[in-house]
Amino acid sequence: MAEKLRHYRDFWPYYLREHARPATRSIHFIGTACGLALLAAAGLTGNAWLILPAVVSGYAFAWLAHLLVEKNRPATFTYPVWSLISDFRMFFLWLAGRLGPELRKAGVTQAD
């Protein structure tokens, strides 16, 4: 991508194309689920130390997926806030069974 994106509406399809392989998305979802579970545990137990592994697990799984599966540079490095928002958006759309149409709109052919 040569030019920096200026609007989130343009970033979202780009983000989905950067997650074209189902294995990449699956590994992302594992990291997101672990991160959310750790954050919930931190809230329930009052143990603030669980926040650090929550953040690390979310990013570690995602970055490994990009390195080993997708073989691209994580969008987090260029668009940290939009990337975080999009990670949760992708995760919750997947949970709701509504990710496939979004992937197809973005031009991702491996929507399963």
N, C-alpha and C. Protein backbone atom coordinates (compact mmCIF):
# COMPACT_ATOMS: atom_id res chain seq x y z
N MET A 1 0.85 -1.17 0.00
CA MET A 1 0.00 0.00 0.00
C MET A 1 0.90 1.23 0.00
N ALA A 2 0.79 2.03 -1.04
CA ALA A 2 1.68 3.17 -1.19
C ALA A 2 1.23 4.39 -0.40
N GLU A 3 -0.04 4.70 -0.46
CA GLU A 3 -0.55 5.91 0.17
C GLU A 3 -1.25 5.58 1.49
N LYS A 4 -0.99 6.38 2.50
CA LYS A 4 -1.61 6.16 3.82
C LYS A 4 -3.10 6.43 3.75
N LEU A 5 -3.88 5.53 4.31
CA LEU A 5 -5.33 5.68 4.32
C LEU A 5 -5.73 6.77 5.30
N ARG A 6 -6.75 7.54 4.92
CA ARG A 6 -7.15 8.67 5.76
C ARG A 6 -8.49 8.46 6.45
N HIS A 7 -9.27 7.48 5.99
CA HIS A 7 -10.60 7.26 6.54
C HIS A 7 -10.78 5.80 6.91
N TYR A 8 -11.46 5.57 8.03
CA TYR A 8 -11.68 4.20 8.48
C TYR A 8 -12.47 3.40 7.45
N ARG A 9 -13.40 4.02 6.77
CA ARG A 9 -14.21 3.30 5.77
C ARG A 9 -13.32 2.71 4.67
N ASP A 10 -12.18 3.32 4.41
CA ASP A 10 -11.23 2.79 3.43
C ASP A 10 -10.31 1.74 4.06
N PHE A 11 -10.07 1.91 5.36
CA PHE A 11 -9.19 0.98 6.06
C PHE A 11 -9.83 -0.39 6.23
N TRP A 12 -11.10 -0.47 6.55
CA TRP A 12 -11.77 -1.74 6.85
C TRP A 12 -11.60 -2.77 5.74
N PRO A 13 -11.88 -2.44 4.46
CA PRO A 13 -11.66 -3.45 3.41
C PRO A 13 -10.18 -3.82 3.27
N TYR A 14 -9.31 -2.84 3.44
CA TYR A 14 -7.87 -3.12 3.42
C TYR A 14 -7.51 -4.11 4.52
N TYR A 15 -8.03 -3.87 5.72
CA TYR A 15 -7.76 -4.75 6.86
C TYR A 15 -8.22 -6.18 6.56
N LEU A 16 -9.41 -6.31 6.00
CA LEU A 16 -9.92 -7.65 5.68
C LEU A 16 -9.06 -8.34 4.63
N ARG A 17 -8.59 -7.59 3.64
CA ARG A 17 -7.72 -8.19 2.62
C ARG A 17 -6.38 -8.62 3.21
N GLU A 18 -5.94 -7.94 4.26
CA GLU A 18 -4.70 -8.32 4.94
C GLU A 18 -4.89 -9.57 5.79
N HIS A 19 -6.14 -10.03 5.91
CA HIS A 19 -6.49 -11.23 6.67
C HIS A 19 -7.23 -12.20 5.76
N ALA A 20 -6.71 -12.37 4.56
CA ALA A 20 -7.40 -13.14 3.51
C ALA A 20 -7.45 -14.63 3.80
N ARG A 21 -6.44 -15.16 4.45
CA ARG A 21 -6.40 -16.61 4.69
C ARG A 21 -7.19 -16.98 5.94
N PRO A 22 -8.02 -18.00 5.84
CA PRO A 22 -8.80 -18.43 7.00
C PRO A 22 -7.93 -18.76 8.22
N ALA A 23 -6.75 -19.33 8.01
CA ALA A 23 -5.87 -19.67 9.14
C ALA A 23 -5.40 -18.41 9.87
N THR A 24 -5.16 -17.35 9.11
CA THR A 24 -4.77 -16.08 9.75
C THR A 24 -5.87 -15.59 10.67
N ARG A 25 -7.09 -15.60 10.15
CA ARG A 25 -8.22 -15.14 10.96
C ARG A 25 -8.43 -16.05 12.17
N SER A 26 -8.28 -17.35 12.00
CA SER A 26 -8.46 -18.29 13.12
C SER A 26 -7.46 -18.02 14.23
N ILE A 27 -6.21 -17.81 13.86
CA ILE A 27 -5.18 -17.53 14.87
C ILE A 27 -5.47 -16.19 15.55
N HIS A 28 -5.91 -15.21 14.77
CA HIS A 28 -6.32 -13.92 15.34
C HIS A 28 -7.43 -14.13 16.37
N PHE A 29 -8.42 -14.93 16.00
CA PHE A 29 -9.57 -15.14 16.88
C PHE A 29 -9.15 -15.81 18.18
N ILE A 30 -8.20 -16.74 18.11
CA ILE A 30 -7.69 -17.38 19.33
C ILE A 30 -7.05 -16.33 20.24
N GLY A 31 -6.22 -15.48 19.66
CA GLY A 31 -5.57 -14.43 20.44
C GLY A 31 -6.56 -13.45 21.03
N THR A 32 -7.55 -13.06 20.24
CA THR A 32 -8.56 -12.12 20.73
C THR A 32 -9.37 -12.75 21.86
N ALA A 33 -9.77 -14.01 21.68
CA ALA A 33 -10.54 -14.71 22.73
C ALA A 33 -9.72 -14.84 24.01
N CYS A 34 -8.45 -15.19 23.88
CA CYS A 34 -7.59 -15.30 25.07
C CYS A 34 -7.45 -13.94 25.75
N GLY A 35 -7.23 -12.90 24.96
CA GLY A 35 -7.10 -11.56 25.51
C GLY A 35 -8.36 -11.11 26.24
N LEU A 36 -9.51 -11.36 25.63
CA LEU A 36 -10.77 -10.98 26.28
C LEU A 36 -11.02 -11.79 27.54
N ALA A 37 -10.68 -13.08 27.51
CA ALA A 37 -10.85 -13.92 28.70
C ALA A 37 -9.96 -13.43 29.84
N LEU A 38 -8.73 -13.07 29.51
CA LEU A 38 -7.82 -12.56 30.54
C LEU A 38 -8.29 -11.21 31.09
N LEU A 39 -8.82 -10.36 30.21
CA LEU A 39 -9.37 -9.08 30.69
C LEU A 39 -10.57 -9.30 31.60
N ALA A 40 -11.41 -10.25 31.23
CA ALA A 40 -12.56 -10.58 32.08
C ALA A 40 -12.09 -11.11 33.42
N ALA A 41 -11.08 -11.97 33.40
CA ALA A 41 -10.53 -12.51 34.65
C ALA A 41 -9.94 -11.40 35.50
N ALA A 42 -9.28 -10.44 34.86
CA ALA A 42 -8.72 -9.31 35.61
C ALA A 42 -9.84 -8.52 36.29
N GLY A 43 -10.93 -8.31 35.56
CA GLY A 43 -12.06 -7.57 36.14
C GLY A 43 -12.75 -8.33 37.26
N LEU A 44 -12.89 -9.63 37.08
CA LEU A 44 -13.58 -10.43 38.08
C LEU A 44 -12.76 -10.66 39.35
N THR A 45 -11.45 -10.78 39.18
CA THR A 45 -10.60 -11.07 40.33
C THR A 45 -9.96 -9.82 40.93
N GLY A 46 -9.99 -8.72 40.16
CA GLY A 46 -9.31 -7.51 40.62
C GLY A 46 -7.81 -7.58 40.45
N ASN A 47 -7.33 -8.58 39.74
CA ASN A 47 -5.89 -8.76 39.52
C ASN A 47 -5.47 -8.00 38.26
N ALA A 48 -4.98 -6.79 38.44
CA ALA A 48 -4.58 -5.95 37.31
C ALA A 48 -3.40 -6.53 36.53
N TRP A 49 -2.64 -7.42 37.14
CA TRP A 49 -1.51 -8.03 36.44
C TRP A 49 -1.96 -8.88 35.25
N LEU A 50 -3.20 -9.27 35.22
CA LEU A 50 -3.71 -10.06 34.09
C LEU A 50 -3.89 -9.22 32.82
N ILE A 51 -3.86 -7.91 32.96
CA ILE A 51 -4.01 -7.05 31.79
C ILE A 51 -2.82 -7.20 30.84
N LEU A 52 -1.64 -7.30 31.38
CA LEU A 52 -0.44 -7.45 30.55
C LEU A 52 -0.49 -8.71 29.69
N PRO A 53 -0.73 -9.89 30.26
CA PRO A 53 -0.83 -11.06 29.38
C PRO A 53 -2.02 -11.00 28.42
N ALA A 54 -3.05 -10.26 28.77
CA ALA A 54 -4.19 -10.09 27.86
C ALA A 54 -3.74 -9.37 26.59
N VAL A 55 -3.02 -8.29 26.78
CA VAL A 55 -2.53 -7.51 25.64
C VAL A 55 -1.50 -8.32 24.85
N VAL A 56 -0.57 -8.95 25.56
CA VAL A 56 0.47 -9.73 24.89
C VAL A 56 -0.13 -10.87 24.09
N SER A 57 -1.09 -11.58 24.65
CA SER A 57 -1.67 -12.72 23.92
C SER A 57 -2.40 -12.26 22.67
N GLY A 58 -3.13 -11.17 22.77
CA GLY A 58 -3.84 -10.67 21.60
C GLY A 58 -2.88 -10.33 20.47
N TYR A 59 -1.85 -9.58 20.78
CA TYR A 59 -0.90 -9.18 19.75
C TYR A 59 0.01 -10.33 19.31
N ALA A 60 0.43 -11.17 20.22
CA ALA A 60 1.34 -12.26 19.86
C ALA A 60 0.71 -13.21 18.85
N PHE A 61 -0.51 -13.62 19.10
CA PHE A 61 -1.19 -14.51 18.15
C PHE A 61 -1.35 -13.82 16.79
N ALA A 62 -1.77 -12.57 16.81
CA ALA A 62 -1.99 -11.85 15.56
C ALA A 62 -0.69 -11.70 14.77
N TRP A 63 0.37 -11.28 15.43
CA TRP A 63 1.62 -11.07 14.72
C TRP A 63 2.20 -12.38 14.21
N LEU A 64 2.05 -13.45 14.97
CA LEU A 64 2.51 -14.75 14.48
C LEU A 64 1.72 -15.19 13.25
N ALA A 65 0.43 -14.92 13.25
CA ALA A 65 -0.39 -15.27 12.09
C ALA A 65 0.09 -14.52 10.85
N HIS A 66 0.41 -13.26 11.01
CA HIS A 66 0.89 -12.49 9.85
C HIS A 66 2.27 -12.97 9.40
N LEU A 67 3.11 -13.29 10.33
CA LEU A 67 4.45 -13.75 10.00
C LEU A 67 4.45 -15.13 9.35
N LEU A 68 3.72 -16.06 9.95
CA LEU A 68 3.79 -17.46 9.51
C LEU A 68 2.77 -17.85 8.45
N VAL A 69 1.61 -17.23 8.46
CA VAL A 69 0.54 -17.66 7.56
C VAL A 69 0.34 -16.66 6.42
N GLU A 70 0.01 -15.44 6.78
CA GLU A 70 -0.33 -14.43 5.77
C GLU A 70 0.91 -13.88 5.07
N LYS A 71 2.03 -13.89 5.80
CA LYS A 71 3.31 -13.40 5.29
C LYS A 71 3.22 -11.93 4.84
N ASN A 72 2.61 -11.14 5.71
CA ASN A 72 2.55 -9.70 5.46
C ASN A 72 2.81 -8.96 6.76
N ARG A 73 2.90 -7.67 6.67
CA ARG A 73 3.18 -6.82 7.83
C ARG A 73 1.87 -6.47 8.52
N PRO A 74 1.75 -6.70 9.82
CA PRO A 74 0.51 -6.37 10.51
C PRO A 74 0.12 -4.90 10.36
N ALA A 75 -1.15 -4.66 10.14
CA ALA A 75 -1.66 -3.29 9.98
C ALA A 75 -1.47 -2.48 11.26
N THR A 76 -1.31 -3.16 12.38
CA THR A 76 -1.10 -2.50 13.67
C THR A 76 0.09 -1.54 13.63
N PHE A 77 1.11 -1.88 12.86
CA PHE A 77 2.31 -1.06 12.84
C PHE A 77 2.08 0.31 12.19
N THR A 78 1.12 0.38 11.27
CA THR A 78 0.83 1.64 10.59
C THR A 78 -0.43 2.31 11.11
N TYR A 79 -1.42 1.49 11.48
CA TYR A 79 -2.72 1.99 11.91
C TYR A 79 -3.11 1.32 13.24
N PRO A 80 -2.46 1.67 14.34
CA PRO A 80 -2.68 0.93 15.59
C PRO A 80 -4.11 0.99 16.13
N VAL A 81 -4.74 2.15 16.12
CA VAL A 81 -6.09 2.26 16.68
C VAL A 81 -7.10 1.59 15.76
N TRP A 82 -7.06 1.90 14.48
CA TRP A 82 -7.99 1.30 13.53
C TRP A 82 -7.82 -0.22 13.48
N SER A 83 -6.60 -0.68 13.62
CA SER A 83 -6.34 -2.10 13.60
C SER A 83 -6.95 -2.79 14.82
N LEU A 84 -6.84 -2.18 15.99
CA LEU A 84 -7.43 -2.74 17.20
C LEU A 84 -8.96 -2.78 17.08
N ILE A 85 -9.53 -1.69 16.62
CA ILE A 85 -10.98 -1.64 16.41
C ILE A 85 -11.40 -2.73 15.43
N SER A 86 -10.66 -2.87 14.34
CA SER A 86 -11.01 -3.83 13.30
C SER A 86 -10.83 -5.27 13.76
N ASP A 87 -9.86 -5.50 14.63
CA ASP A 87 -9.68 -6.85 15.17
C ASP A 87 -10.92 -7.28 15.94
N PHE A 88 -11.42 -6.39 16.79
CA PHE A 88 -12.64 -6.71 17.55
C PHE A 88 -13.85 -6.78 16.62
N ARG A 89 -13.91 -5.89 15.65
CA ARG A 89 -15.03 -5.92 14.69
C ARG A 89 -15.04 -7.24 13.94
N MET A 90 -13.88 -7.66 13.43
CA MET A 90 -13.79 -8.92 12.70
C MET A 90 -14.17 -10.10 13.61
N PHE A 91 -13.69 -10.09 14.85
CA PHE A 91 -13.98 -11.16 15.79
C PHE A 91 -15.48 -11.26 16.08
N PHE A 92 -16.11 -10.13 16.37
CA PHE A 92 -17.53 -10.17 16.73
C PHE A 92 -18.42 -10.43 15.51
N LEU A 93 -18.01 -9.98 14.33
CA LEU A 93 -18.75 -10.35 13.12
C LEU A 93 -18.67 -11.86 12.88
N TRP A 94 -17.49 -12.42 13.12
CA TRP A 94 -17.31 -13.87 12.98
C TRP A 94 -18.19 -14.61 13.98
N LEU A 95 -18.19 -14.18 15.23
CA LEU A 95 -19.04 -14.81 16.25
C LEU A 95 -20.52 -14.77 15.86
N ALA A 96 -20.93 -13.68 15.24
CA ALA A 96 -22.32 -13.50 14.85
C ALA A 96 -22.65 -14.19 13.52
N GLY A 97 -21.63 -14.78 12.87
CA GLY A 97 -21.85 -15.43 11.59
C GLY A 97 -22.04 -14.46 10.44
N ARG A 98 -21.54 -13.23 10.61
CA ARG A 98 -21.74 -12.19 9.59
C ARG A 98 -20.45 -11.71 8.94
N LEU A 99 -19.34 -12.44 9.14
CA LEU A 99 -18.07 -12.00 8.57
C LEU A 99 -17.97 -12.29 7.08
N GLY A 100 -18.51 -13.40 6.63
CA GLY A 100 -18.40 -13.80 5.22
C GLY A 100 -18.79 -12.72 4.24
N PRO A 101 -19.97 -12.10 4.38
CA PRO A 101 -20.35 -11.04 3.44
C PRO A 101 -19.38 -9.85 3.45
N GLU A 102 -18.86 -9.52 4.62
CA GLU A 102 -17.88 -8.42 4.71
C GLU A 102 -16.61 -8.77 3.95
N LEU A 103 -16.16 -10.02 4.10
CA LEU A 103 -14.96 -10.46 3.39
C LEU A 103 -15.19 -10.41 1.87
N ARG A 104 -16.34 -10.89 1.43
CA ARG A 104 -16.63 -10.87 0.00
C ARG A 104 -16.70 -9.44 -0.54
N LYS A 105 -17.32 -8.52 0.21
CA LYS A 105 -17.37 -7.12 -0.21
C LYS A 105 -15.97 -6.54 -0.36
N ALA A 106 -15.05 -6.99 0.49
CA ALA A 106 -13.67 -6.49 0.45
C ALA A 106 -12.84 -7.18 -0.63
N GLY A 107 -13.44 -8.18 -1.29
CA GLY A 107 -12.72 -8.87 -2.36
C GLY A 107 -11.92 -10.07 -1.89
N VAL A 108 -12.17 -10.55 -0.69
CA VAL A 108 -11.48 -11.71 -0.16
C VAL A 108 -12.21 -12.95 -0.66
N THR A 109 -11.49 -13.79 -1.40
CA THR A 109 -12.12 -14.97 -1.98
C THR A 109 -12.13 -16.16 -1.03
N GLN A 110 -11.25 -16.18 -0.04
CA GLN A 110 -11.17 -17.26 0.93
C GLN A 110 -12.01 -16.89 2.15
N ALA A 111 -13.29 -16.68 1.94
CA ALA A 111 -14.16 -16.15 2.99
C ALA A 111 -14.54 -17.18 4.04
N ASP A 112 -14.31 -18.45 3.83
CA ASP A 112 -14.71 -19.48 4.80
C ASP A 112 -13.88 -19.44 6.04
